[in-house]
N, C-alpha and C. Protein backbone atom coordinates (compact mmCIF):
# COMPACT_ATOMS: atom_id res chain seq x y z
N MET A 1 0.83 -1.19 0.00
CA MET A 1 0.00 0.00 0.00
C MET A 1 0.87 1.25 0.00
N THR A 2 0.38 2.24 -0.65
CA THR A 2 1.12 3.50 -0.61
C THR A 2 0.79 4.24 0.67
N LEU A 3 1.60 5.21 0.98
CA LEU A 3 1.42 5.96 2.22
C LEU A 3 0.09 6.71 2.23
N ALA A 4 -0.31 7.29 1.09
CA ALA A 4 -1.57 8.03 1.03
C ALA A 4 -2.76 7.11 1.31
N THR A 5 -2.73 5.91 0.77
CA THR A 5 -3.81 4.95 1.00
C THR A 5 -3.83 4.52 2.45
N LEU A 6 -2.67 4.30 3.02
CA LEU A 6 -2.58 3.89 4.42
C LEU A 6 -3.12 4.98 5.34
N VAL A 7 -2.78 6.23 5.05
CA VAL A 7 -3.28 7.34 5.87
C VAL A 7 -4.80 7.44 5.75
N LEU A 8 -5.33 7.27 4.54
CA LEU A 8 -6.76 7.35 4.32
C LEU A 8 -7.49 6.23 5.06
N VAL A 9 -6.92 5.05 5.05
CA VAL A 9 -7.56 3.91 5.73
C VAL A 9 -7.53 4.12 7.23
N LEU A 10 -6.43 4.62 7.76
CA LEU A 10 -6.31 4.78 9.21
C LEU A 10 -7.13 5.95 9.74
N HIS A 11 -7.21 7.03 9.00
CA HIS A 11 -7.88 8.22 9.51
C HIS A 11 -9.30 8.38 9.00
N GLY A 12 -9.67 7.69 7.97
CA GLY A 12 -11.03 7.78 7.46
C GLY A 12 -11.26 9.07 6.70
N ASP A 13 -12.53 9.40 6.51
CA ASP A 13 -12.91 10.59 5.74
C ASP A 13 -13.04 11.77 6.70
N ASN A 14 -12.19 12.76 6.51
CA ASN A 14 -12.20 13.93 7.38
C ASN A 14 -12.43 15.18 6.53
N PRO A 15 -13.63 15.76 6.59
CA PRO A 15 -13.92 16.94 5.76
C PRO A 15 -13.05 18.15 6.10
N ARG A 16 -12.69 18.32 7.37
CA ARG A 16 -11.85 19.46 7.75
C ARG A 16 -10.45 19.32 7.14
N LEU A 17 -9.94 18.11 7.11
CA LEU A 17 -8.62 17.88 6.53
C LEU A 17 -8.67 18.07 5.01
N GLU A 18 -9.76 17.65 4.38
CA GLU A 18 -9.92 17.87 2.94
C GLU A 18 -10.01 19.36 2.62
N LEU A 19 -10.69 20.13 3.46
CA LEU A 19 -10.76 21.57 3.26
C LEU A 19 -9.38 22.20 3.41
N LEU A 20 -8.62 21.72 4.38
CA LEU A 20 -7.26 22.21 4.56
C LEU A 20 -6.40 21.89 3.34
N TYR A 21 -6.52 20.69 2.81
CA TYR A 21 -5.78 20.33 1.60
C TYR A 21 -6.20 21.20 0.41
N PHE A 22 -7.49 21.50 0.31
CA PHE A 22 -7.98 22.34 -0.78
C PHE A 22 -7.35 23.72 -0.70
N TRP A 23 -7.39 24.37 0.47
CA TRP A 23 -6.83 25.71 0.59
C TRP A 23 -5.31 25.72 0.44
N ALA A 24 -4.67 24.64 0.85
CA ALA A 24 -3.22 24.54 0.64
C ALA A 24 -2.92 24.47 -0.86
N ALA A 25 -3.72 23.76 -1.61
CA ALA A 25 -3.53 23.67 -3.06
C ALA A 25 -3.80 25.02 -3.73
N VAL A 26 -4.83 25.73 -3.26
CA VAL A 26 -5.13 27.05 -3.81
C VAL A 26 -3.96 27.99 -3.55
N MET A 27 -3.45 28.01 -2.34
CA MET A 27 -2.33 28.89 -2.01
C MET A 27 -1.07 28.50 -2.80
N LEU A 28 -0.88 27.21 -2.99
CA LEU A 28 0.27 26.74 -3.76
C LEU A 28 0.18 27.21 -5.21
N ALA A 29 -1.02 27.26 -5.74
CA ALA A 29 -1.20 27.71 -7.12
C ALA A 29 -1.11 29.23 -7.24
N LEU A 30 -1.61 29.97 -6.25
CA LEU A 30 -1.65 31.43 -6.34
C LEU A 30 -0.32 32.10 -6.00
N THR A 31 0.48 31.47 -5.18
CA THR A 31 1.73 32.10 -4.74
C THR A 31 2.64 32.49 -5.90
N PRO A 32 2.98 31.60 -6.83
CA PRO A 32 3.84 32.03 -7.93
C PRO A 32 3.18 33.06 -8.83
N ILE A 33 1.86 32.97 -9.00
CA ILE A 33 1.17 33.95 -9.83
C ILE A 33 1.28 35.33 -9.21
N LEU A 34 1.08 35.42 -7.90
CA LEU A 34 1.17 36.72 -7.23
C LEU A 34 2.60 37.25 -7.24
N ILE A 35 3.57 36.39 -7.01
CA ILE A 35 4.97 36.83 -6.98
C ILE A 35 5.41 37.33 -8.35
N PHE A 36 5.23 36.52 -9.39
CA PHE A 36 5.68 36.91 -10.72
C PHE A 36 4.83 38.05 -11.28
N GLY A 37 3.55 38.08 -10.94
CA GLY A 37 2.72 39.21 -11.35
C GLY A 37 3.17 40.50 -10.71
N GLY A 38 3.52 40.45 -9.43
CA GLY A 38 4.02 41.63 -8.74
C GLY A 38 5.34 42.11 -9.32
N ILE A 39 6.21 41.19 -9.65
CA ILE A 39 7.48 41.57 -10.28
C ILE A 39 7.22 42.20 -11.65
N GLY A 40 6.29 41.65 -12.40
CA GLY A 40 5.96 42.19 -13.71
C GLY A 40 5.40 43.60 -13.62
N VAL A 41 4.50 43.83 -12.66
CA VAL A 41 3.93 45.17 -12.47
C VAL A 41 5.02 46.15 -12.07
N TRP A 42 5.92 45.74 -11.19
CA TRP A 42 7.02 46.60 -10.75
C TRP A 42 7.93 46.98 -11.93
N VAL A 43 8.25 46.01 -12.78
CA VAL A 43 9.11 46.29 -13.94
C VAL A 43 8.42 47.23 -14.92
N VAL A 44 7.14 47.01 -15.19
CA VAL A 44 6.42 47.87 -16.13
C VAL A 44 6.32 49.30 -15.60
N ARG A 45 6.04 49.46 -14.32
CA ARG A 45 5.98 50.80 -13.73
C ARG A 45 7.34 51.49 -13.82
N LYS A 46 8.40 50.75 -13.57
CA LYS A 46 9.74 51.32 -13.65
C LYS A 46 10.05 51.76 -15.09
N MET A 47 9.65 50.96 -16.06
CA MET A 47 9.87 51.32 -17.46
C MET A 47 9.09 52.58 -17.82
N TRP A 48 7.84 52.67 -17.40
CA TRP A 48 7.03 53.86 -17.68
C TRP A 48 7.66 55.10 -17.06
N LYS A 49 8.13 54.96 -15.82
CA LYS A 49 8.73 56.11 -15.14
C LYS A 49 9.99 56.57 -15.88
N GLU A 50 10.82 55.63 -16.31
CA GLU A 50 12.03 56.00 -17.04
C GLU A 50 11.70 56.65 -18.38
N ARG A 51 10.66 56.17 -19.06
CA ARG A 51 10.25 56.79 -20.33
C ARG A 51 9.75 58.21 -20.12
N GLU A 52 8.97 58.41 -19.06
CA GLU A 52 8.47 59.76 -18.78
C GLU A 52 9.63 60.70 -18.46
N GLU A 53 10.60 60.24 -17.67
CA GLU A 53 11.75 61.07 -17.35
C GLU A 53 12.57 61.38 -18.59
N ALA A 54 12.73 60.40 -19.47
CA ALA A 54 13.50 60.61 -20.69
C ALA A 54 12.78 61.57 -21.63
N SER A 55 11.46 61.46 -21.74
CA SER A 55 10.73 62.38 -22.61
C SER A 55 10.73 63.79 -22.03
N ALA A 56 10.67 63.91 -20.71
CA ALA A 56 10.74 65.24 -20.09
C ALA A 56 12.11 65.86 -20.32
N GLU A 57 13.14 65.04 -20.24
CA GLU A 57 14.50 65.54 -20.47
C GLU A 57 14.66 65.98 -21.92
N ARG A 58 14.10 65.24 -22.86
CA ARG A 58 14.15 65.63 -24.26
C ARG A 58 13.40 66.92 -24.49
N GLY A 59 12.30 67.12 -23.79
CA GLY A 59 11.53 68.35 -23.91
C GLY A 59 12.31 69.55 -23.42
N VAL A 60 13.07 69.37 -22.34
CA VAL A 60 13.90 70.46 -21.82
C VAL A 60 15.02 70.78 -22.79
N ARG A 61 15.62 69.77 -23.36
CA ARG A 61 16.71 69.99 -24.31
C ARG A 61 16.22 70.71 -25.56
N SER A 62 15.04 70.30 -26.07
CA SER A 62 14.54 70.95 -27.28
C SER A 62 14.16 72.41 -26.98
N ALA A 63 13.68 72.70 -25.78
CA ALA A 63 13.34 74.08 -25.41
C ALA A 63 14.61 74.92 -25.30
N GLU A 64 15.69 74.32 -24.81
CA GLU A 64 16.97 75.04 -24.72
C GLU A 64 17.52 75.35 -26.11
N LEU A 65 17.35 74.42 -27.03
CA LEU A 65 17.86 74.63 -28.37
C LEU A 65 17.07 75.70 -29.13
N LYS A 66 15.77 75.77 -28.86
CA LYS A 66 14.92 76.74 -29.54
C LYS A 66 15.16 78.16 -29.01
N GLY A 67 15.36 78.27 -27.72
CA GLY A 67 15.42 79.61 -27.13
C GLY A 67 16.74 79.95 -26.70
């Protein structure tokens, strides 16, 4: 017998334990999504900020050249 079968036979059907397993699986699936999604949002915001700063700097340079 495998260990999972042995545990099931010895402990029987436990709805609270099944609920715990369900939420553990949900958290296991969501954790990498949240981590990599957060990193992606951080990188995109950083890129936008750098583009805005670069375009503002170009605007200042073009104003200096004109006047």
